[in-house]
Amino acid sequence: MSDTQRLVILGTGHIAHRHATEFARDPRCRMVAAVDLNADRARAFAERYDIPHVFGDLEAALRWGAFDAAVNATPDAAHKPTTLALLADGKHVFCEKPLALTGPDAYAMAEAAEAANRLNMVNFTYRNAHAIQMARTMVASGSIGAVRHLEASYLQSWLSAGHWGDWRTEERWLWRLSTSHGSNGVLGDLGVHLFDFVSFGTGLAFGTLVARLKTFGKAPDDRIGEYLLDANDSVAITAEMSNGALCALHMSRFATGNLNDLNLAVFGDAGALRIWANHLDSRLHACLGDDRETQTWRLLTCPPTPRNEIRFATALATGANGEPDFRRAADIQTLIDLCTASDADGRWREVAPVSAAAPASRLEIEAGDEPRAPGG
């Protein structure tokens, strides 16, 4: 790997600004091009972040080719075709979540990355939370004993309050309410974070689950212009974890009074943890030892953890893939698919064992390695 890795950012919408800001802080990377179908937006983005090249589509950027890796910040439905094209051209990829719209598509992307021997990561934002990283360490070390019960929620309120703008008039919110525009509703948007938060934080896999998805009427005939407002707004899930612990999960965009709040409570037979996180901060409280007798919870100091963008920069610098990777994202996407299937017939679904074949986290890229085409 060379000292400075050249990055292209694909898509210059809202989340792209966060990625550009974070990668700019790492001298091991340099953003060399921005790609967007909206030419005016792409030029404005490139000017703001001092990016020298702008392209109107991915094909043009690939023909140019003077980059090592891509940050895929396109809408959800575009993740698969654009990522596969990048991998086929030998580029490493840092992709926004969800990796794909279905589990099979996500696994196809993971397999393509592994076959091409390319570095790959997915932006599960709350891996950045100091609290969840420390909670995982504490659970693994036995600090709370055997995990017996879990409660988890991800709550937003932008459908009942205007703090993030007017969802009735702004495209960046309307598409999230319409399946025909590539949205899987609150389940696809927040559920991937919540499933990762729970299973990563506890080290436990999901065993079985049952889900209920709800879509509320929000406009006459459930439509605003070209947008049919049919994506789910609230979800409730009951699950049994791989160790037998029970887990209650819920998420909503109608959680009035909650801006962007992710919560996880982990109850063990020797202690308990409560984790709160949002897009800016996180906190970890614990009830341990003698505090169990008085139900006293103490705020813990958590060591800092590098953001996902910095972990990807480290992967590019070292050739060793970072976490979370595409295969992990595919496992999470399968849980989303199972929730949708469960809601359709009201039945419990069994979660297949997590795939262990050729995990991308163990990929190591040596300097000068030639990429292999997917399937080759």
Protein backbone atom coordinates (compact mmCIF):
# COMPACT_ATOMS: atom_id res chain seq x y z
CA MET A 1 0.00 0.00 0.00
CA SER A 2 1.23 3.51 -0.82
CA ASP A 3 1.48 6.17 1.86
CA THR A 4 -1.54 8.16 0.66
CA GLN A 5 -4.64 6.37 -0.57
CA ARG A 6 -6.72 8.13 -3.21
CA LEU A 7 -10.46 8.11 -2.52
CA VAL A 8 -13.48 8.78 -4.69
CA ILE A 9 -16.80 9.60 -3.04
CA LEU A 10 -19.82 8.28 -4.89
CA GLY A 11 -22.89 10.35 -4.07
CA THR A 12 -22.67 13.83 -2.56
CA GLY A 13 -25.85 14.02 -0.49
CA HIS A 14 -26.29 14.51 3.25
CA ILE A 15 -24.17 11.63 4.62
CA ALA A 16 -21.34 12.31 2.16
CA HIS A 17 -20.47 15.49 4.04
CA ARG A 18 -19.77 13.50 7.21
CA HIS A 19 -17.51 11.09 5.31
CA ALA A 20 -15.61 13.88 3.56
CA THR A 21 -15.04 15.64 6.88
CA GLU A 22 -13.79 12.51 8.64
CA PHE A 23 -11.49 11.30 5.86
CA ALA A 24 -10.02 14.81 5.55
CA ARG A 25 -8.74 14.45 9.12
CA ASP A 26 -6.60 11.44 8.21
CA PRO A 27 -3.40 12.24 6.28
CA ARG A 28 -3.25 8.65 5.01
CA CYS A 29 -6.15 9.42 2.63
CA ARG A 30 -6.91 12.07 0.06
CA MET A 31 -10.29 12.63 -1.62
CA VAL A 32 -9.50 13.02 -5.32
CA ALA A 33 -12.92 12.91 -7.00
CA ALA A 34 -16.64 13.33 -6.36
CA VAL A 35 -19.27 11.50 -8.40
CA ASP A 36 -22.96 12.42 -8.57
CA LEU A 37 -25.70 12.44 -11.20
CA ASN A 38 -26.58 15.93 -9.93
CA ALA A 39 -23.79 17.95 -11.51
CA ASP A 40 -24.44 21.17 -9.59
CA ARG A 41 -24.45 19.37 -6.26
CA ALA A 42 -21.27 17.48 -7.14
CA ARG A 43 -19.42 20.66 -8.12
CA ALA A 44 -20.50 22.46 -4.95
CA PHE A 45 -19.44 19.49 -2.85
CA ALA A 46 -16.05 19.26 -4.57
CA GLU A 47 -15.43 22.97 -4.10
CA ARG A 48 -16.35 22.82 -0.41
CA TYR A 49 -13.93 19.96 0.31
CA ASP A 50 -11.18 20.93 -2.16
CA ILE A 51 -11.70 17.83 -4.32
CA PRO A 52 -9.99 18.28 -7.70
CA HIS A 53 -12.14 16.09 -9.98
CA VAL A 54 -15.90 15.78 -10.56
CA PHE A 55 -17.72 13.12 -12.59
CA GLY A 56 -21.37 12.80 -13.56
CA ASP A 57 -21.49 9.02 -13.27
CA LEU A 58 -19.48 6.07 -11.99
CA GLU A 59 -18.58 4.86 -15.47
CA ALA A 60 -16.71 8.08 -16.18
CA ALA A 61 -14.84 7.84 -12.89
CA LEU A 62 -13.85 4.25 -13.62
CA ARG A 63 -12.59 5.17 -17.09
CA TRP A 64 -10.41 7.82 -15.43
CA GLY A 65 -9.37 5.27 -12.85
CA ALA A 66 -6.83 7.27 -10.83
CA PHE A 67 -8.05 6.17 -7.40
CA ASP A 68 -7.58 3.28 -4.99
CA ALA A 69 -10.84 3.10 -3.06
CA ALA A 70 -14.37 4.44 -3.06
CA VAL A 71 -16.77 5.72 -0.44
CA ASN A 72 -20.24 4.64 -1.57
CA ALA A 73 -22.75 7.18 -0.26
CA THR A 74 -25.45 6.59 -2.87
CA PRO A 75 -29.11 5.80 -2.05
CA ASP A 76 -29.75 2.29 -0.74
CA ALA A 77 -30.97 0.79 -4.02
CA ALA A 78 -27.78 1.87 -5.81
CA HIS A 79 -25.37 0.21 -3.39
CA LYS A 80 -25.25 -3.20 -5.06
CA PRO A 81 -24.68 -2.26 -8.74
CA THR A 82 -22.21 0.51 -7.97
CA THR A 83 -20.24 -1.53 -5.44
CA LEU A 84 -20.02 -4.54 -7.74
CA ALA A 85 -18.72 -2.31 -10.53
CA LEU A 86 -16.08 -0.85 -8.21
CA LEU A 87 -14.96 -4.27 -7.01
CA ALA A 88 -14.77 -5.61 -10.56
CA ASP A 89 -12.43 -2.71 -11.34
CA GLY A 90 -10.18 -3.60 -8.40
CA LYS A 91 -11.23 -0.83 -6.02
CA HIS A 92 -11.62 -1.16 -2.27
CA VAL A 93 -15.04 -0.05 -0.98
CA PHE A 94 -16.40 1.67 2.13
CA CYS A 95 -20.19 1.46 1.73
CA GLU A 96 -23.06 3.15 3.52
CA LYS A 97 -25.62 0.98 5.25
CA PRO A 98 -27.67 -0.97 4.43
CA LEU A 99 -25.25 -2.83 2.21
CA ALA A 100 -28.12 -3.97 -0.05
CA LEU A 101 -31.90 -4.20 -0.06
CA THR A 102 -31.96 -7.97 0.57
CA GLY A 103 -29.80 -10.56 2.29
CA PRO A 104 -29.00 -12.49 -0.92
CA ASP A 105 -27.87 -9.29 -2.63
CA ALA A 106 -25.72 -8.38 0.37
CA TYR A 107 -24.10 -11.82 0.42
CA ALA A 108 -23.40 -11.51 -3.32
CA MET A 109 -21.53 -8.28 -2.57
CA ALA A 110 -19.58 -9.89 0.28
CA GLU A 111 -18.61 -12.81 -1.94
CA ALA A 112 -17.56 -10.45 -4.73
CA ALA A 113 -15.32 -8.50 -2.35
CA GLU A 114 -13.74 -11.68 -1.02
CA ALA A 115 -13.24 -13.15 -4.51
CA ALA A 116 -11.63 -9.92 -5.70
CA ASN A 117 -9.49 -9.76 -2.54
CA ARG A 118 -10.55 -6.18 -1.95
CA LEU A 119 -10.90 -4.39 1.38
CA ASN A 120 -14.52 -3.77 2.33
CA MET A 121 -16.36 -2.09 5.19
CA VAL A 122 -19.89 -0.89 5.95
CA ASN A 123 -20.73 2.24 7.90
CA PHE A 124 -22.69 0.98 10.89
CA THR A 125 -22.43 4.37 12.57
CA TYR A 126 -22.83 3.25 16.14
CA ARG A 127 -19.65 1.20 16.10
CA ASN A 128 -18.22 4.71 16.64
CA ALA A 129 -19.86 4.85 20.08
CA HIS A 130 -17.34 4.53 22.90
CA ALA A 131 -20.02 3.06 25.16
CA ILE A 132 -20.89 0.07 22.96
CA GLN A 133 -17.22 -0.84 22.51
CA MET A 134 -16.65 -0.85 26.27
CA ALA A 135 -19.92 -2.71 26.89
CA ARG A 136 -18.83 -5.46 24.51
CA THR A 137 -15.54 -5.83 26.39
CA MET A 138 -17.32 -5.98 29.75
CA VAL A 139 -19.86 -8.59 28.63
CA ALA A 140 -17.11 -10.72 27.09
CA SER A 141 -15.03 -10.55 30.29
CA GLY A 142 -17.94 -11.77 32.41
CA SER A 143 -18.50 -8.49 34.28
CA ILE A 144 -22.28 -8.98 34.32
CA GLY A 145 -22.32 -12.77 34.32
CA ALA A 146 -24.56 -14.67 31.93
CA VAL A 147 -26.83 -12.45 29.83
CA ARG A 148 -30.48 -13.23 30.57
CA HIS A 149 -32.56 -10.37 29.16
CA LEU A 150 -32.18 -7.50 26.67
CA GLU A 151 -34.14 -4.38 25.79
CA ALA A 152 -33.23 -2.27 22.76
CA SER A 153 -34.77 0.68 20.96
CA TYR A 154 -33.92 3.20 18.27
CA LEU A 155 -36.25 6.19 18.43
CA GLN A 156 -36.60 9.21 16.15
CA SER A 157 -39.38 11.77 15.81
CA TRP A 158 -38.96 13.47 12.45
CA LEU A 159 -42.49 12.41 11.42
CA SER A 160 -43.98 14.23 14.41
CA ALA A 161 -41.59 17.20 14.72
CA GLY A 162 -39.71 19.45 12.33
CA HIS A 163 -36.24 19.50 13.84
CA TRP A 164 -34.67 17.92 10.73
CA GLY A 165 -36.83 19.75 8.22
CA ASP A 166 -40.23 19.18 6.60
CA TRP A 167 -40.59 15.57 5.48
CA ARG A 168 -43.68 16.55 3.44
CA THR A 169 -41.65 18.71 1.06
CA GLU A 170 -38.02 17.54 1.23
CA GLU A 171 -36.84 14.74 -1.04
CA ARG A 172 -34.17 13.54 1.43
CA TRP A 173 -36.99 12.47 3.78
CA LEU A 174 -39.76 11.56 1.34
CA TRP A 175 -37.79 8.79 -0.34
CA ARG A 176 -37.34 7.12 3.06
CA LEU A 177 -41.14 6.73 3.25
CA SER A 178 -41.58 5.06 -0.15
CA THR A 179 -40.67 1.47 -1.04
CA SER A 180 -40.77 2.30 -4.76
CA HIS A 181 -37.92 4.75 -4.12
CA GLY A 182 -35.74 2.07 -2.53
CA SER A 183 -36.71 2.41 1.13
CA ASN A 184 -37.33 -0.48 3.51
CA GLY A 185 -38.79 1.93 6.03
CA VAL A 186 -37.68 2.38 9.60
CA LEU A 187 -36.78 -1.33 9.67
CA GLY A 188 -34.20 -0.95 6.93
CA ASP A 189 -33.00 2.47 8.05
CA LEU A 190 -32.74 2.04 11.83
CA GLY A 191 -33.12 -1.72 12.19
CA VAL A 192 -29.71 -2.49 10.74
CA HIS A 193 -28.13 -0.25 13.38
CA LEU A 194 -30.18 -1.76 16.20
CA PHE A 195 -29.48 -5.38 15.23
CA ASP A 196 -25.76 -4.63 14.97
CA PHE A 197 -25.77 -2.68 18.24
CA VAL A 198 -27.39 -5.55 20.15
CA SER A 199 -25.40 -8.43 18.69
CA PHE A 200 -22.06 -6.60 18.65
CA GLY A 201 -22.50 -5.18 22.14
CA THR A 202 -23.37 -8.54 23.68
CA GLY A 203 -21.39 -10.89 21.46
CA LEU A 204 -24.61 -12.91 21.04
CA ALA A 205 -26.27 -13.97 17.80
CA PHE A 206 -29.99 -13.84 17.18
CA GLY A 207 -31.62 -17.27 17.31
CA THR A 208 -35.32 -16.78 16.53
CA LEU A 209 -37.53 -13.73 16.05
CA VAL A 210 -41.05 -12.52 15.35
CA ALA A 211 -41.83 -9.01 14.08
CA ARG A 212 -44.70 -6.59 13.53
CA LEU A 213 -44.31 -3.72 11.06
CA LYS A 214 -46.71 -0.77 11.00
CA THR A 215 -47.30 1.96 8.42
CA PHE A 216 -49.50 4.91 9.40
CA GLY A 217 -51.50 7.17 7.08
CA LYS A 218 -49.64 10.46 6.62
CA ALA A 219 -51.23 12.08 3.57
CA PRO A 220 -54.41 11.85 1.44
CA ASP A 221 -54.34 8.54 -0.45
CA ASP A 222 -50.94 7.90 1.22
CA ARG A 223 -49.18 9.85 -1.52
CA ILE A 224 -47.22 13.08 -1.91
CA GLY A 225 -46.42 13.75 -5.57
CA GLU A 226 -44.50 10.79 -6.97
CA TYR A 227 -43.96 9.29 -3.51
CA LEU A 228 -46.31 6.53 -2.33
CA LEU A 229 -45.91 6.59 1.46
CA ASP A 230 -46.02 2.84 2.05
CA ALA A 231 -42.77 2.12 3.94
CA ASN A 232 -43.03 1.03 7.59
CA ASP A 233 -42.92 3.73 10.27
CA SER A 234 -42.75 1.65 13.47
CA VAL A 235 -41.52 -1.88 14.23
CA ALA A 236 -41.70 -4.16 17.26
CA ILE A 237 -39.63 -7.35 17.48
CA THR A 238 -39.35 -10.13 20.03
CA ALA A 239 -36.29 -12.36 19.76
CA GLU A 240 -34.47 -15.18 21.50
CA MET A 241 -30.71 -14.94 21.45
CA SER A 242 -28.28 -17.78 20.80
CA ASN A 243 -27.77 -18.32 24.55
CA GLY A 244 -31.50 -18.37 25.30
CA ALA A 245 -31.78 -14.78 26.55
CA LEU A 246 -34.93 -12.92 25.50
CA CYS A 247 -34.74 -9.60 23.67
CA ALA A 248 -37.38 -6.94 23.03
CA LEU A 249 -36.57 -4.46 20.25
CA HIS A 250 -38.55 -1.57 18.83
CA MET A 251 -37.95 1.38 16.54
CA SER A 252 -40.05 4.28 15.30
CA ARG A 253 -40.01 7.61 13.49
CA PHE A 254 -43.01 8.72 15.55
CA ALA A 255 -41.23 8.62 18.93
CA THR A 256 -42.11 12.19 19.88
CA GLY A 257 -39.58 13.72 22.26
CA ASN A 258 -36.68 11.62 20.94
CA LEU A 259 -34.38 13.26 18.42
CA ASN A 260 -32.15 10.29 17.57
CA ASP A 261 -31.82 7.96 20.55
CA LEU A 262 -30.44 4.43 20.56
CA ASN A 263 -30.76 2.48 23.82
CA LEU A 264 -29.64 -0.96 24.92
CA ALA A 265 -30.07 -2.56 28.34
CA VAL A 266 -28.19 -5.81 29.00
CA PHE A 267 -29.26 -7.68 32.13
CA GLY A 268 -27.01 -10.45 33.43
CA ASP A 269 -27.20 -12.71 36.47
CA ALA A 270 -24.29 -10.82 38.07
CA GLY A 271 -24.82 -7.25 36.84
CA ALA A 272 -26.32 -5.05 34.16
CA LEU A 273 -25.39 -2.37 31.62
CA ARG A 274 -27.33 0.47 30.04
CA ILE A 275 -26.02 2.05 26.86
CA TRP A 276 -27.36 5.22 25.27
CA ALA A 277 -26.05 6.66 22.02
CA ASN A 278 -26.93 9.22 19.40
CA HIS A 279 -25.09 10.66 16.40
CA LEU A 280 -22.92 12.84 18.66
CA ASP A 281 -22.24 11.03 21.93
CA SER A 282 -22.74 7.87 23.98
CA ARG A 283 -22.94 6.92 27.65
CA LEU A 284 -22.56 3.68 29.60
CA HIS A 285 -24.09 3.03 33.03
CA ALA A 286 -23.48 -0.13 35.07
CA CYS A 287 -25.08 -1.81 38.06
CA LEU A 288 -22.44 -4.18 39.46
CA GLY A 289 -21.38 -5.84 42.69
CA ASP A 290 -23.04 -4.49 45.83
CA ASP A 291 -24.88 -1.87 43.76
CA ARG A 292 -27.24 -4.64 42.69
CA GLU A 293 -28.73 -4.66 46.21
CA THR A 294 -29.62 -0.95 46.05
CA GLN A 295 -30.34 -0.75 42.31
CA THR A 296 -27.60 1.87 41.97
CA TRP A 297 -26.36 2.71 38.48
CA ARG A 298 -22.98 4.38 37.94
CA LEU A 299 -21.77 6.28 34.88
CA LEU A 300 -18.57 4.73 33.54
CA THR A 301 -15.74 6.48 31.72
CA CYS A 302 -15.22 4.90 28.31
CA PRO A 303 -11.98 5.08 26.32
CA PRO A 304 -12.26 6.67 22.87
CA THR A 305 -12.67 4.52 19.79
CA PRO A 306 -11.74 5.43 16.20
CA ARG A 307 -14.58 6.21 13.80
CA ASN A 308 -15.41 3.82 10.97
CA GLU A 309 -13.78 6.13 8.43
CA ILE A 310 -10.52 6.04 10.39
CA ARG A 311 -10.72 2.26 10.64
CA PHE A 312 -11.10 2.09 6.87
CA ALA A 313 -8.10 4.38 6.44
CA THR A 314 -6.15 2.03 8.71
CA ALA A 315 -7.26 -0.93 6.60
CA LEU A 316 -6.03 0.81 3.47
CA ALA A 317 -2.72 1.64 5.14
CA THR A 318 -2.10 -1.85 6.54
CA GLY A 319 -3.88 -4.12 4.07
CA ALA A 320 -5.82 -5.84 6.88
CA ASN A 321 -9.58 -5.45 6.58
CA GLY A 322 -11.51 -3.61 9.27
CA GLU A 323 -14.88 -4.18 10.93
CA PRO A 324 -17.76 -4.14 10.24
CA ASP A 325 -17.25 -5.78 6.86
CA PHE A 326 -19.60 -6.77 4.04
CA ARG A 327 -20.24 -10.25 5.39
CA ARG A 328 -21.28 -8.86 8.74
CA ALA A 329 -23.63 -6.45 6.94
CA ALA A 330 -25.10 -9.35 4.94
CA ASP A 331 -25.80 -11.25 8.16
CA ILE A 332 -27.60 -8.18 9.52
CA GLN A 333 -29.57 -7.70 6.29
CA THR A 334 -30.81 -11.29 6.59
CA LEU A 335 -32.39 -10.34 9.93
CA ILE A 336 -34.23 -7.51 8.16
CA ASP A 337 -35.54 -9.99 5.57
CA LEU A 338 -36.72 -12.35 8.32
CA CYS A 339 -38.61 -9.53 10.05
CA THR A 340 -40.43 -8.70 6.83
CA ALA A 341 -41.34 -12.36 6.30
CA SER A 342 -42.49 -12.72 9.89
CA ASP A 343 -44.74 -9.67 9.63
CA ALA A 344 -46.37 -11.11 6.51
CA ASP A 345 -47.63 -14.27 8.23
CA GLY A 346 -47.18 -13.63 11.96
CA ARG A 347 -44.87 -16.62 12.40
CA TRP A 348 -41.58 -16.93 14.24
CA ARG A 349 -38.50 -17.21 12.07
CA GLU A 350 -35.32 -19.12 12.85
CA VAL A 351 -32.06 -17.35 12.10
CA ALA A 352 -29.53 -19.48 10.24
CA PRO A 353 -26.07 -19.71 11.82
CA VAL A 354 -23.86 -16.76 10.92
CA SER A 355 -21.73 -17.48 7.88
CA ALA A 356 -18.09 -18.16 8.68
CA ALA A 357 -16.74 -18.88 5.21
CA ALA A 358 -13.83 -16.64 4.16
CA PRO A 359 -14.69 -13.76 6.49
CA ALA A 360 -13.54 -10.53 4.91
CA SER A 361 -12.18 -9.35 8.26
CA ARG A 362 -9.32 -11.80 7.73
CA LEU A 363 -8.46 -10.58 4.27
CA GLU A 364 -4.96 -9.22 4.01
CA ILE A 365 -3.86 -7.25 0.98
CA GLU A 366 -0.17 -7.16 0.30
CA ALA A 367 1.47 -4.28 -1.53
CA GLY A 368 1.36 -4.94 -5.25
CA ASP A 369 -1.38 -7.59 -5.06
CA GLU A 370 -3.38 -7.82 -8.25
CA PRO A 371 -7.15 -7.77 -7.74
CA ARG A 372 -9.12 -10.81 -8.81
CA ALA A 373 -12.37 -10.41 -10.69
CA PRO A 374 -15.47 -11.48 -8.74
CA GLY A 375 -15.96 -15.20 -9.10
CA GLY A 376 -12.45 -15.57 -10.50
